Amino acid sequence: MSDRFSITDHTERGVVRVSCTGELDLAAVPALNDHLVRWLDDQDIMRLVVDLAETTFMDSVGLGALIRAQRQCTAVGKVFGVVDAKDEVARVLELTGLAKLLSLPAGTVVTPENGS
């Protein structure tokens, strides 16, 4: 994994919140992909939430990883969504039209919070 990127998880009641810190780019995507795949196989996890609050940069490869994760979750019956994108990362999601596609369905309970 890149020195400029790290991943932490928080799980509770069938939800995993995967928090990404740093730059989600070509160097970081393989680690994110490997990390997310393990949650796809976990039968106890029904919602996978990617928290981008601490993500400072995201390129097209990072966007592709999130789209792929969303499709993989849908294929196995899990809910996927991206939350808390800030600044440039939020702008990239908006400009590409992916903010709506990658957001959680309305009414989805998002737990746990960072640090819980």
PDB file of N, CA and C in Angstrom:
ATOM      1  N   MET A   1       0.849  -1.171   0.000  1.00  0.00           N
ATOM      2  CA  MET A   1       0.000   0.000   0.000  1.00  0.00           C
ATOM      3  C   MET A   1       0.898   1.239   0.000  1.00  0.00           C
ATOM      4  N   SER A   2       0.430   2.280  -0.620  1.00  0.00           N
ATOM      5  CA  SER A   2       1.166   3.528  -0.726  1.00  0.00           C
ATOM      6  C   SER A   2       1.329   4.183   0.645  1.00  0.00           C
ATOM      7  N   ASP A   3       2.444   4.895   0.833  1.00  0.00           N
ATOM      8  CA  ASP A   3       2.636   5.660   2.062  1.00  0.00           C
ATOM      9  C   ASP A   3       1.632   6.801   2.158  1.00  0.00           C
ATOM     10  N   ARG A   4       1.033   7.135   1.020  1.00  0.00           N
ATOM     11  CA  ARG A   4       0.087   8.246   0.975  1.00  0.00           C
ATOM     12  C   ARG A   4      -1.355   7.784   1.120  1.00  0.00           C
ATOM     13  N   PHE A   5      -1.575   6.509   1.464  1.00  0.00           N
ATOM     14  CA  PHE A   5      -2.926   5.977   1.526  1.00  0.00           C
ATOM     15  C   PHE A   5      -3.016   4.915   2.615  1.00  0.00           C
ATOM     16  N   SER A   6      -4.111   4.961   3.379  1.00  0.00           N
ATOM     17  CA  SER A   6      -4.346   3.916   4.370  1.00  0.00           C
ATOM     18  C   SER A   6      -5.838   3.633   4.464  1.00  0.00           C
ATOM     19  N   ILE A   7      -6.143   2.457   5.003  1.00  0.00           N
ATOM     20  CA  ILE A   7      -7.522   1.988   5.114  1.00  0.00           C
ATOM     21  C   ILE A   7      -7.751   1.494   6.538  1.00  0.00           C
ATOM     22  N   THR A   8      -8.888   1.873   7.112  1.00  0.00           N
ATOM     23  CA  THR A   8      -9.303   1.326   8.399  1.00  0.00           C
ATOM     24  C   THR A   8     -10.758   0.888   8.294  1.00  0.00           C
ATOM     25  N   ASP A   9     -11.133  -0.087   9.100  1.00  0.00           N
ATOM     26  CA  ASP A   9     -12.501  -0.616   9.100  1.00  0.00           C
ATOM     27  C   ASP A   9     -13.137  -0.439  10.461  1.00  0.00           C
ATOM     28  N   HIS A  10     -14.460  -0.265  10.424  1.00  0.00           N
ATOM     29  CA  HIS A  10     -15.262  -0.265  11.637  1.00  0.00           C
ATOM     30  C   HIS A  10     -16.505  -1.089  11.297  1.00  0.00           C
ATOM     31  N   THR A  11     -16.768  -2.126  12.065  1.00  0.00           N
ATOM     32  CA  THR A  11     -17.921  -2.979  11.786  1.00  0.00           C
ATOM     33  C   THR A  11     -18.878  -2.991  12.961  1.00  0.00           C
ATOM     34  N   GLU A  12     -20.148  -3.115  12.610  1.00  0.00           N
ATOM     35  CA  GLU A  12     -21.183  -3.207  13.630  1.00  0.00           C
ATOM     36  C   GLU A  12     -22.499  -3.575  12.950  1.00  0.00           C
ATOM     37  N   ARG A  13     -23.191  -4.551  13.500  1.00  0.00           N
ATOM     38  CA  ARG A  13     -24.531  -4.932  13.060  1.00  0.00           C
ATOM     39  C   ARG A  13     -24.688  -5.045  11.540  1.00  0.00           C
ATOM     40  N   GLY A  14     -23.827  -5.785  10.904  1.00  0.00           N
ATOM     41  CA  GLY A  14     -23.974  -6.045   9.478  1.00  0.00           C
ATOM     42  C   GLY A  14     -23.482  -4.955   8.556  1.00  0.00           C
ATOM     43  N   VAL A  15     -22.807  -3.943   9.125  1.00  0.00           N
ATOM     44  CA  VAL A  15     -22.290  -2.834   8.329  1.00  0.00           C
ATOM     45  C   VAL A  15     -20.785  -2.740   8.525  1.00  0.00           C
ATOM     46  N   VAL A  16     -20.065  -2.577   7.431  1.00  0.00           N
ATOM     47  CA  VAL A  16     -18.646  -2.249   7.535  1.00  0.00           C
ATOM     48  C   VAL A  16     -18.460  -0.871   6.919  1.00  0.00           C
ATOM     49  N   ARG A  17     -17.782  -0.018   7.665  1.00  0.00           N
ATOM     50  CA  ARG A  17     -17.427   1.318   7.185  1.00  0.00           C
ATOM     51  C   ARG A  17     -15.935   1.285   6.921  1.00  0.00           C
ATOM     52  N   VAL A  18     -15.564   1.390   5.656  1.00  0.00           N
ATOM     53  CA  VAL A  18     -14.175   1.362   5.228  1.00  0.00           C
ATOM     54  C   VAL A  18     -13.741   2.808   5.022  1.00  0.00           C
ATOM     55  N   SER A  19     -12.860   3.289   5.877  1.00  0.00           N
ATOM     56  CA  SER A  19     -12.394   4.676   5.807  1.00  0.00           C
ATOM     57  C   SER A  19     -11.072   4.740   5.065  1.00  0.00           C
ATOM     58  N   CYS A  20     -11.052   5.564   4.032  1.00  0.00           N
ATOM     59  CA  CYS A  20      -9.857   5.735   3.203  1.00  0.00           C
ATOM     60  C   CYS A  20      -9.210   7.070   3.540  1.00  0.00           C
ATOM     61  N   THR A  21      -7.929   7.038   3.824  1.00  0.00           N
ATOM     62  CA  THR A  21      -7.183   8.249   4.166  1.00  0.00           C
ATOM     63  C   THR A  21      -6.064   8.440   3.161  1.00  0.00           C
ATOM     64  N   GLY A  22      -5.989   9.653   2.599  1.00  0.00           N
ATOM     65  CA  GLY A  22      -4.918   9.980   1.677  1.00  0.00           C
ATOM     66  C   GLY A  22      -5.370   9.975   0.231  1.00  0.00           C
ATOM     67  N   GLU A  23      -4.486   9.580  -0.656  1.00  0.00           N
ATOM     68  CA  GLU A  23      -4.685   9.666  -2.097  1.00  0.00           C
ATOM     69  C   GLU A  23      -5.148   8.330  -2.679  1.00  0.00           C
ATOM     70  N   LEU A  24      -6.361   8.321  -3.209  1.00  0.00           N
ATOM     71  CA  LEU A  24      -6.917   7.119  -3.834  1.00  0.00           C
ATOM     72  C   LEU A  24      -6.604   7.198  -5.329  1.00  0.00           C
ATOM     73  N   ASP A  25      -5.448   6.643  -5.681  1.00  0.00           N
ATOM     74  CA  ASP A  25      -4.952   6.740  -7.050  1.00  0.00           C
ATOM     75  C   ASP A  25      -4.438   5.381  -7.518  1.00  0.00           C
ATOM     76  N   LEU A  26      -3.768   5.379  -8.640  1.00  0.00           N
ATOM     77  CA  LEU A  26      -3.256   4.144  -9.239  1.00  0.00           C
ATOM     78  C   LEU A  26      -2.445   3.309  -8.246  1.00  0.00           C
ATOM     79  N   ALA A  27      -1.661   3.959  -7.416  1.00  0.00           N
ATOM     80  CA  ALA A  27      -0.833   3.224  -6.447  1.00  0.00           C
ATOM     81  C   ALA A  27      -1.665   2.609  -5.327  1.00  0.00           C
ATOM     82  N   ALA A  28      -2.786   3.226  -4.971  1.00  0.00           N
ATOM     83  CA  ALA A  28      -3.589   2.780  -3.829  1.00  0.00           C
ATOM     84  C   ALA A  28      -4.683   1.785  -4.191  1.00  0.00           C
ATOM     85  N   VAL A  29      -5.161   1.816  -5.428  1.00  0.00           N
ATOM     86  CA  VAL A  29      -6.315   1.002  -5.814  1.00  0.00           C
ATOM     87  C   VAL A  29      -6.124  -0.497  -5.596  1.00  0.00           C
ATOM     88  N   PRO A  30      -4.986  -1.092  -5.908  1.00  0.00           N
ATOM     89  CA  PRO A  30      -4.857  -2.534  -5.653  1.00  0.00           C
ATOM     90  C   PRO A  30      -5.107  -2.893  -4.182  1.00  0.00           C
ATOM     91  N   ALA A  31      -4.610  -2.084  -3.263  1.00  0.00           N
ATOM     92  CA  ALA A  31      -4.831  -2.356  -1.842  1.00  0.00           C
ATOM     93  C   ALA A  31      -6.308  -2.205  -1.492  1.00  0.00           C
ATOM     94  N   LEU A  32      -6.966  -1.180  -2.033  1.00  0.00           N
ATOM     95  CA  LEU A  32      -8.392  -1.002  -1.762  1.00  0.00           C
ATOM     96  C   LEU A  32      -9.192  -2.162  -2.332  1.00  0.00           C
ATOM     97  N   ASN A  33      -8.898  -2.560  -3.559  1.00  0.00           N
ATOM     98  CA  ASN A  33      -9.615  -3.690  -4.161  1.00  0.00           C
ATOM     99  C   ASN A  33      -9.478  -4.944  -3.310  1.00  0.00           C
ATOM    100  N   ASP A  34      -8.258  -5.265  -2.916  1.00  0.00           N
ATOM    101  CA  ASP A  34      -8.013  -6.456  -2.092  1.00  0.00           C
ATOM    102  C   ASP A  34      -8.771  -6.362  -0.774  1.00  0.00           C
ATOM    103  N   HIS A  35      -8.788  -5.191  -0.213  1.00  0.00           N
ATOM    104  CA  HIS A  35      -9.455  -4.976   1.070  1.00  0.00           C
ATOM    105  C   HIS A  35     -10.968  -5.158   0.953  1.00  0.00           C
ATOM    106  N   LEU A  36     -11.564  -4.581  -0.075  1.00  0.00           N
ATOM    107  CA  LEU A  36     -13.012  -4.657  -0.241  1.00  0.00           C
ATOM    108  C   LEU A  36     -13.492  -6.064  -0.578  1.00  0.00           C
ATOM    109  N   VAL A  37     -12.691  -6.809  -1.324  1.00  0.00           N
ATOM    110  CA  VAL A  37     -13.078  -8.175  -1.723  1.00  0.00           C
ATOM    111  C   VAL A  37     -13.325  -9.057  -0.510  1.00  0.00           C
ATOM    112  N   ARG A  38     -12.532  -8.888   0.518  1.00  0.00           N
ATOM    113  CA  ARG A  38     -12.729  -9.754   1.695  1.00  0.00           C
ATOM    114  C   ARG A  38     -14.088  -9.518   2.343  1.00  0.00           C
ATOM    115  N   TRP A  39     -14.619  -8.301   2.264  1.00  0.00           N
ATOM    116  CA  TRP A  39     -15.938  -8.021   2.832  1.00  0.00           C
ATOM    117  C   TRP A  39     -17.054  -8.578   1.964  1.00  0.00           C
ATOM    118  N   LEU A  40     -16.805  -8.738   0.683  1.00  0.00           N
ATOM    119  CA  LEU A  40     -17.821  -9.329  -0.202  1.00  0.00           C
ATOM    120  C   LEU A  40     -18.126 -10.764   0.200  1.00  0.00           C
ATOM    121  N   ASP A  41     -17.130 -11.465   0.701  1.00  0.00           N
ATOM    122  CA  ASP A  41     -17.288 -12.868   1.080  1.00  0.00           C
ATOM    123  C   ASP A  41     -17.823 -13.055   2.496  1.00  0.00           C
ATOM    124  N   ASP A  42     -17.898 -11.988   3.272  1.00  0.00           N
ATOM    125  CA  ASP A  42     -18.346 -12.077   4.664  1.00  0.00           C
ATOM    126  C   ASP A  42     -19.875 -12.080   4.702  1.00  0.00           C
ATOM    127  N   GLN A  43     -20.452 -13.211   5.074  1.00  0.00           N
ATOM    128  CA  GLN A  43     -21.911 -13.361   5.090  1.00  0.00           C
ATOM    129  C   GLN A  43     -22.596 -12.503   6.155  1.00  0.00           C
ATOM    130  N   ASP A  44     -21.841 -12.055   7.159  1.00  0.00           N
ATOM    131  CA  ASP A  44     -22.418 -11.233   8.216  1.00  0.00           C
ATOM    132  C   ASP A  44     -22.539  -9.758   7.823  1.00  0.00           C
ATOM    133  N   ILE A  45     -21.848  -9.360   6.770  1.00  0.00           N
ATOM    134  CA  ILE A  45     -21.865  -7.967   6.317  1.00  0.00           C
ATOM    135  C   ILE A  45     -22.864  -7.814   5.182  1.00  0.00           C
ATOM    136  N   MET A  46     -23.850  -6.928   5.377  1.00  0.00           N
ATOM    137  CA  MET A  46     -24.863  -6.681   4.350  1.00  0.00           C
ATOM    138  C   MET A  46     -24.743  -5.297   3.719  1.00  0.00           C
ATOM    139  N   ARG A  47     -24.032  -4.377   4.394  1.00  0.00           N
ATOM    140  CA  ARG A  47     -23.829  -3.030   3.847  1.00  0.00           C
ATOM    141  C   ARG A  47     -22.349  -2.691   3.926  1.00  0.00           C
ATOM    142  N   LEU A  48     -21.822  -2.196   2.809  1.00  0.00           N
ATOM    143  CA  LEU A  48     -20.432  -1.789   2.727  1.00  0.00           C
ATOM    144  C   LEU A  48     -20.424  -0.295   2.415  1.00  0.00           C
ATOM    145  N   VAL A  49     -19.892   0.486   3.344  1.00  0.00           N
ATOM    146  CA  VAL A  49     -19.869   1.946   3.218  1.00  0.00           C
ATOM    147  C   VAL A  49     -18.413   2.388   3.116  1.00  0.00           C
ATOM    148  N   VAL A  50     -18.088   3.125   2.056  1.00  0.00           N
ATOM    149  CA  VAL A  50     -16.744   3.652   1.892  1.00  0.00           C
ATOM    150  C   VAL A  50     -16.776   5.124   2.292  1.00  0.00           C
ATOM    151  N   ASP A  51     -16.036   5.446   3.336  1.00  0.00           N
ATOM    152  CA  ASP A  51     -15.970   6.795   3.885  1.00  0.00           C
ATOM    153  C   ASP A  51     -14.769   7.519   3.277  1.00  0.00           C
ATOM    154  N   LEU A  52     -15.069   8.600   2.556  1.00  0.00           N
ATOM    155  CA  LEU A  52     -14.014   9.361   1.881  1.00  0.00           C
ATOM    156  C   LEU A  52     -13.697  10.682   2.583  1.00  0.00           C
ATOM    157  N   ALA A  53     -14.090  10.823   3.829  1.00  0.00           N
ATOM    158  CA  ALA A  53     -13.886  12.085   4.551  1.00  0.00           C
ATOM    159  C   ALA A  53     -12.420  12.494   4.610  1.00  0.00           C
ATOM    160  N   GLU A  54     -11.527  11.526   4.703  1.00  0.00           N
ATOM    161  CA  GLU A  54     -10.097  11.814   4.811  1.00  0.00           C
ATOM    162  C   GLU A  54      -9.343  11.523   3.509  1.00  0.00           C
ATOM    163  N   THR A  55     -10.074  11.330   2.429  1.00  0.00           N
ATOM    164  CA  THR A  55      -9.449  11.114   1.125  1.00  0.00           C
ATOM    165  C   THR A  55      -9.182  12.475   0.505  1.00  0.00           C
ATOM    166  N   THR A  56      -7.930  12.739   0.191  1.00  0.00           N
ATOM    167  CA  THR A  56      -7.524  14.062  -0.275  1.00  0.00           C
ATOM    168  C   THR A  56      -7.447  14.179  -1.785  1.00  0.00           C
ATOM    169  N   PHE A  57      -7.408  13.047  -2.482  1.00  0.00           N
ATOM    170  CA  PHE A  57      -7.284  13.045  -3.939  1.00  0.00           C
ATOM    171  C   PHE A  57      -7.851  11.741  -4.464  1.00  0.00           C
ATOM    172  N   MET A  58      -8.490  11.805  -5.633  1.00  0.00           N
ATOM    173  CA  MET A  58      -8.972  10.585  -6.285  1.00  0.00           C
ATOM    174  C   MET A  58      -8.905  10.796  -7.789  1.00  0.00           C
ATOM    175  N   ASP A  59      -8.277   9.849  -8.475  1.00  0.00           N
ATOM    176  CA  ASP A  59      -8.192   9.934  -9.933  1.00  0.00           C
ATOM    177  C   ASP A  59      -9.184   8.967 -10.573  1.00  0.00           C
ATOM    178  N   SER A  60      -9.119   8.835 -11.893  1.00  0.00           N
ATOM    179  CA  SER A  60     -10.071   7.972 -12.610  1.00  0.00           C
ATOM    180  C   SER A  60      -9.934   6.511 -12.218  1.00  0.00           C
ATOM    181  N   VAL A  61      -8.748   6.089 -11.830  1.00  0.00           N
ATOM    182  CA  VAL A  61      -8.553   4.705 -11.396  1.00  0.00           C
ATOM    183  C   VAL A  61      -9.268   4.482 -10.066  1.00  0.00           C
ATOM    184  N   GLY A  62      -9.222   5.459  -9.183  1.00  0.00           N
ATOM    185  CA  GLY A  62      -9.957   5.385  -7.925  1.00  0.00           C
ATOM    186  C   GLY A  62     -11.455   5.343  -8.155  1.00  0.00           C
ATOM    187  N   LEU A  63     -11.940   6.165  -9.078  1.00  0.00           N
ATOM    188  CA  LEU A  63     -13.359   6.133  -9.434  1.00  0.00           C
ATOM    189  C   LEU A  63     -13.759   4.758  -9.947  1.00  0.00           C
ATOM    190  N   GLY A  64     -12.925   4.205 -10.802  1.00  0.00           N
ATOM    191  CA  GLY A  64     -13.191   2.878 -11.350  1.00  0.00           C
ATOM    192  C   GLY A  64     -13.278   1.815 -10.269  1.00  0.00           C
ATOM    193  N   ALA A  65     -12.414   1.916  -9.258  1.00  0.00           N
ATOM    194  CA  ALA A  65     -12.436   0.950  -8.150  1.00  0.00           C
ATOM    195  C   ALA A  65     -13.748   1.034  -7.381  1.00  0.00           C
ATOM    196  N   LEU A  66     -14.256   2.240  -7.183  1.00  0.00           N
ATOM    197  CA  LEU A  66     -15.521   2.402  -6.461  1.00  0.00           C
ATOM    198  C   LEU A  66     -16.695   1.873  -7.288  1.00  0.00           C
ATOM    199  N   ILE A  67     -16.675   2.124  -8.578  1.00  0.00           N
ATOM    200  CA  ILE A  67     -17.738   1.594  -9.454  1.00  0.00           C
ATOM    201  C   ILE A  67     -17.710   0.072  -9.460  1.00  0.00           C
ATOM    202  N   ARG A  68     -16.531  -0.500  -9.556  1.00  0.00           N
ATOM    203  CA  ARG A  68     -16.377  -1.955  -9.539  1.00  0.00           C
ATOM    204  C   ARG A  68     -16.888  -2.540  -8.220  1.00  0.00           C
ATOM    205  N   ALA A  69     -16.549  -1.896  -7.113  1.00  0.00           N
ATOM    206  CA  ALA A  69     -17.003  -2.374  -5.799  1.00  0.00           C
ATOM    207  C   ALA A  69     -18.523  -2.305  -5.700  1.00  0.00           C
ATOM    208  N   GLN A  70     -19.108  -1.232  -6.219  1.00  0.00           N
ATOM    209  CA  GLN A  70     -20.566  -1.101  -6.194  1.00  0.00           C
ATOM    210  C   GLN A  70     -21.217  -2.225  -6.985  1.00  0.00           C
ATOM    211  N   ARG A  71     -20.686  -2.521  -8.144  1.00  0.00           N
ATOM    212  CA  ARG A  71     -21.234  -3.603  -8.979  1.00  0.00           C
ATOM    213  C   ARG A  71     -21.064  -4.966  -8.315  1.00  0.00           C
ATOM    214  N   GLN A  72     -19.913  -5.192  -7.701  1.00  0.00           N
ATOM    215  CA  GLN A  72     -19.668  -6.467  -7.026  1.00  0.00           C
ATOM    216  C   GLN A  72     -20.612  -6.641  -5.844  1.00  0.00           C
ATOM    217  N   CYS A  73     -20.834  -5.586  -5.096  1.00  0.00           N
ATOM    218  CA  CYS A  73     -21.770  -5.663  -3.961  1.00  0.00           C
ATOM    219  C   CYS A  73     -23.173  -5.974  -4.447  1.00  0.00           C
ATOM    220  N   THR A  74     -23.608  -5.289  -5.466  1.00  0.00           N
ATOM    221  CA  THR A  74     -24.942  -5.531  -6.022  1.00  0.00           C
ATOM    222  C   THR A  74     -25.091  -6.975  -6.475  1.00  0.00           C
ATOM    223  N   ALA A  75     -24.047  -7.509  -7.095  1.00  0.00           N
ATOM    224  CA  ALA A  75     -24.092  -8.881  -7.606  1.00  0.00           C
ATOM    225  C   ALA A  75     -24.268  -9.919  -6.503  1.00  0.00           C
ATOM    226  N   VAL A  76     -23.796  -9.618  -5.296  1.00  0.00           N
ATOM    227  CA  VAL A  76     -23.915 -10.572  -4.189  1.00  0.00           C
ATOM    228  C   VAL A  76     -24.973 -10.149  -3.172  1.00  0.00           C
ATOM    229  N   GLY A  77     -25.799  -9.168  -3.531  1.00  0.00           N
ATOM    230  CA  GLY A  77     -26.917  -8.777  -2.691  1.00  0.00           C
ATOM    231  C   GLY A  77     -26.587  -7.868  -1.524  1.00  0.00           C
ATOM    232  N   LYS A  78     -25.466  -7.162  -1.610  1.00  0.00           N
ATOM    233  CA  LYS A  78     -25.087  -6.239  -0.542  1.00  0.00           C
ATOM    234  C   LYS A  78     -25.345  -4.801  -0.996  1.00  0.00           C
ATOM    235  N   VAL A  79     -25.583  -3.931  -0.035  1.00  0.00           N
ATOM    236  CA  VAL A  79     -25.759  -2.510  -0.303  1.00  0.00           C
ATOM    237  C   VAL A  79     -24.385  -1.844  -0.238  1.00  0.00           C
ATOM    238  N   PHE A  80     -24.107  -0.975  -1.201  1.00  0.00           N
ATOM    239  CA  PHE A  80     -22.827  -0.267  -1.272  1.00  0.00           C
ATOM    240  C   PHE A  80     -23.085   1.226  -1.377  1.00  0.00           C
ATOM    241  N   GLY A  81     -22.222   1.998  -0.761  1.00  0.00           N
ATOM    242  CA  GLY A  81     -22.312   3.440  -0.935  1.00  0.00           C
ATOM    243  C   GLY A  81     -21.069   4.151  -0.461  1.00  0.00           C
ATOM    244  N   VAL A  82     -20.896   5.344  -1.006  1.00  0.00           N
ATOM    245  CA  VAL A  82     -19.790   6.219  -0.651  1.00  0.00           C
ATOM    246  C   VAL A  82     -20.366   7.377   0.161  1.00  0.00           C
ATOM    247  N   VAL A  83     -19.692   7.736   1.243  1.00  0.00           N
ATOM    248  CA  VAL A  83     -20.157   8.834   2.087  1.00  0.00           C
ATOM    249  C   VAL A  83     -19.028   9.807   2.396  1.00  0.00           C
ATOM    250  N   ASP A  84     -19.433  11.019   2.747  1.00  0.00           N
ATOM    251  CA  ASP A  84     -18.565  12.049   3.332  1.00  0.00           C
ATOM    252  C   ASP A  84     -17.400  12.511   2.468  1.00  0.00           C
ATOM    253  N   ALA A  85     -17.554  12.457   1.148  1.00  0.00           N
ATOM    254  CA  ALA A  85     -16.511  13.006   0.280  1.00  0.00           C
ATOM    255  C   ALA A  85     -16.436  14.517   0.491  1.00  0.00           C
ATOM    256  N   LYS A  86     -15.249  15.047   0.505  1.00  0.00           N
ATOM    257  CA  LYS A  86     -15.030  16.474   0.756  1.00  0.00           C
ATOM    258  C   LYS A  86     -14.242  17.108  -0.392  1.00  0.00           C
ATOM    259  N   ASP A  87     -14.378  18.404  -0.506  1.00  0.00           N
ATOM    260  CA  ASP A  87     -13.558  19.250  -1.367  1.00  0.00           C
ATOM    261  C   ASP A  87     -13.374  18.676  -2.777  1.00  0.00           C
ATOM    262  N   GLU A  88     -12.119  18.461  -3.177  1.00  0.00           N
ATOM    263  CA  GLU A  88     -11.825  18.026  -4.540  1.00  0.00           C
ATOM    264  C   GLU A  88     -12.412  16.655  -4.862  1.00  0.00           C
ATOM    265  N   VAL A  89     -12.441  15.780  -3.878  1.00  0.00           N
ATOM    266  CA  VAL A  89     -12.983  14.440  -4.101  1.00  0.00           C
ATOM    267  C   VAL A  89     -14.492  14.526  -4.361  1.00  0.00           C
ATOM    268  N   ALA A  90     -15.185  15.336  -3.583  1.00  0.00           N
ATOM    269  CA  ALA A  90     -16.623  15.536  -3.808  1.00  0.00           C
ATOM    270  C   ALA A  90     -16.860  16.162  -5.178  1.00  0.00           C
ATOM    271  N   ARG A  91     -16.008  17.095  -5.551  1.00  0.00           N
ATOM    272  CA  ARG A  91     -16.140  17.748  -6.860  1.00  0.00           C
ATOM    273  C   ARG A  91     -15.956  16.751  -8.002  1.00  0.00           C
ATOM    274  N   VAL A  92     -14.989  15.871  -7.895  1.00  0.00           N
ATOM    275  CA  VAL A  92     -14.773  14.837  -8.915  1.00  0.00           C
ATOM    276  C   VAL A  92     -16.017  13.954  -9.043  1.00  0.00           C
ATOM    277  N   LEU A  93     -16.567  13.544  -7.911  1.00  0.00           N
ATOM    278  CA  LEU A  93     -17.769  12.703  -7.936  1.00  0.00           C
ATOM    279  C   LEU A  93     -18.940  13.442  -8.580  1.00  0.00           C
ATOM    280  N   GLU A  94     -19.103  14.721  -8.273  1.00  0.00           N
ATOM    281  CA  GLU A  94     -20.191  15.514  -8.852  1.00  0.00           C
ATOM    282  C   GLU A  94     -19.990  15.721 -10.348  1.00  0.00           C
ATOM    283  N   LEU A  95     -18.794  16.123 -10.747  1.00  0.00           N
ATOM    284  CA  LEU A  95     -18.520  16.419 -12.163  1.00  0.00           C
ATOM    285  C   LEU A  95     -18.664  15.198 -13.060  1.00  0.00           C
ATOM    286  N   THR A  96     -18.363  14.039 -12.527  1.00  0.00           N
ATOM    287  CA  THR A  96     -18.463  12.811 -13.324  1.00  0.00           C
ATOM    288  C   THR A  96     -19.862  12.210 -13.285  1.00  0.00           C
ATOM    289  N   GLY A  97     -20.727  12.762 -12.460  1.00  0.00           N
ATOM    290  CA  GLY A  97     -22.072  12.218 -12.315  1.00  0.00           C
ATOM    291  C   GLY A  97     -22.135  10.977 -11.441  1.00  0.00           C
ATOM    292  N   LEU A  98     -21.058  10.672 -10.761  1.00  0.00           N
ATOM    293  CA  LEU A  98     -20.999   9.454  -9.954  1.00  0.00           C
ATOM    294  C   LEU A  98     -21.448   9.659  -8.509  1.00  0.00           C
ATOM    295  N   ALA A  99     -21.605  10.890  -8.086  1.00  0.00           N
ATOM    296  CA  ALA A  99     -22.030  11.139  -6.701  1.00  0.00           C
ATOM    297  C   ALA A  99     -23.360  10.457  -6.427  1.00  0.00           C
ATOM    298  N   LYS A 100     -24.289  10.584  -7.331  1.00  0.00           N
ATOM    299  CA  LYS A 100     -25.608   9.969  -7.137  1.00  0.00           C
ATOM    300  C   LYS A 100     -25.537   8.447  -7.287  1.00  0.00           C
ATOM    301  N   LEU A 101     -24.821   7.974  -8.292  1.00  0.00           N
ATOM    302  CA  LEU A 101     -24.705   6.534  -8.529  1.00  0.00           C
ATOM    303  C   LEU A 101     -24.074   5.811  -7.354  1.00  0.00           C
ATOM    304  N   LEU A 102     -23.079   6.421  -6.734  1.00  0.00           N
ATOM    305  CA  LEU A 102     -22.331   5.770  -5.657  1.00  0.00           C
ATOM    306  C   LEU A 102     -22.851   6.100  -4.264  1.00  0.00           C
ATOM    307  N   SER A 103     -23.906   6.909  -4.178  1.00  0.00           N
ATOM    308  CA  SER A 103     -24.450   7.225  -2.857  1.00  0.00           C
ATOM    309  C   SER A 103     -25.303   6.065  -2.360  1.00  0.00           C
ATOM    310  N   LEU A 104     -25.487   6.017  -1.062  1.00  0.00           N
ATOM    311  CA  LEU A 104     -26.323   4.974  -0.464  1.00  0.00           C
ATOM    312  C   LEU A 104     -27.784   5.219  -0.829  1.00  0.00           C
ATOM    313  N   PRO A 105     -28.558   4.158  -0.960  1.00  0.00           N
ATOM    314  CA  PRO A 105     -29.993   4.333  -1.202  1.00  0.00           C
ATOM    315  C   PRO A 105     -30.636   5.138  -0.070  1.00  0.00           C
ATOM    316  N   ALA A 106     -31.640   5.935  -0.416  1.00  0.00           N
ATOM    317  CA  ALA A 106     -32.341   6.747   0.590  1.00  0.00           C
ATOM    318  C   ALA A 106     -32.834   5.860   1.725  1.00  0.00           C
ATOM    319  N   GLY A 107     -32.684   6.337   2.943  1.00  0.00           N
ATOM    320  CA  GLY A 107     -33.163   5.616   4.112  1.00  0.00           C
ATOM    321  C   GLY A 107     -32.217   4.564   4.646  1.00  0.00           C
ATOM    322  N   THR A 108     -31.063   4.379   4.003  1.00  0.00           N
ATOM    323  CA  THR A 108     -30.107   3.382   4.485  1.00  0.00           C
ATOM    324  C   THR A 108     -29.456   3.862   5.773  1.00  0.00           C
ATOM    325  N   VAL A 109     -29.465   3.034   6.783  1.00  0.00           N
ATOM    326  CA  VAL A 109     -28.841   3.367   8.052  1.00  0.00           C
ATOM    327  C   VAL A 109     -27.339   3.159   7.895  1.00  0.00           C
ATOM    328  N   VAL A 110     -26.594   4.194   8.214  1.00  0.00           N
ATOM    329  CA  VAL A 110     -25.139   4.134   8.087  1.00  0.00           C
ATOM    330  C   VAL A 110     -24.528   4.081   9.476  1.00  0.00           C
ATOM    331  N   THR A 111     -24.094   2.902   9.868  1.00  0.00           N
ATOM    332  CA  THR A 111     -23.349   2.709  11.107  1.00  0.00           C
ATOM    333  C   THR A 111     -22.239   1.742  10.750  1.00  0.00           C
ATOM    334  N   PRO A 112     -21.251   1.672  11.445  1.00  0.00           N
ATOM    335  CA  PRO A 112     -20.846   2.507  12.554  1.00  0.00           C
ATOM    336  C   PRO A 112     -20.141   3.771  12.077  1.00  0.00           C
ATOM    337  N   GLU A 113     -20.006   4.720  12.945  1.00  0.00           N
ATOM    338  CA  GLU A 113     -19.286   5.955  12.642  1.00  0.00           C
ATOM    339  C   GLU A 113     -17.811   5.705  12.877  1.00  0.00           C
ATOM    340  N   ASN A 114     -17.001   6.583  12.309  1.00  0.00           N
ATOM    341  CA  ASN A 114     -15.552   6.494  12.553  1.00  0.00           C
ATOM    342  C   ASN A 114     -15.279   6.530  14.041  1.00  0.00           C
ATOM    343  N   GLY A 115     -14.378   5.677  14.450  1.00  0.00           N
ATOM    344  CA  GLY A 115     -13.958   5.658  15.837  1.00  0.00           C
ATOM    345  C   GLY A 115     -14.847   4.843  16.760  1.00  0.00           C
ATOM    346  N   SER A 116     -15.953   4.264  16.237  1.00  0.00           N
ATOM    347  CA  SER A 116     -16.785   3.469  17.134  1.00  0.00           C
ATOM    348  C   SER A 116     -16.325   2.051  17.205  1.00  0.00           C
TER     349      SER A 116
END
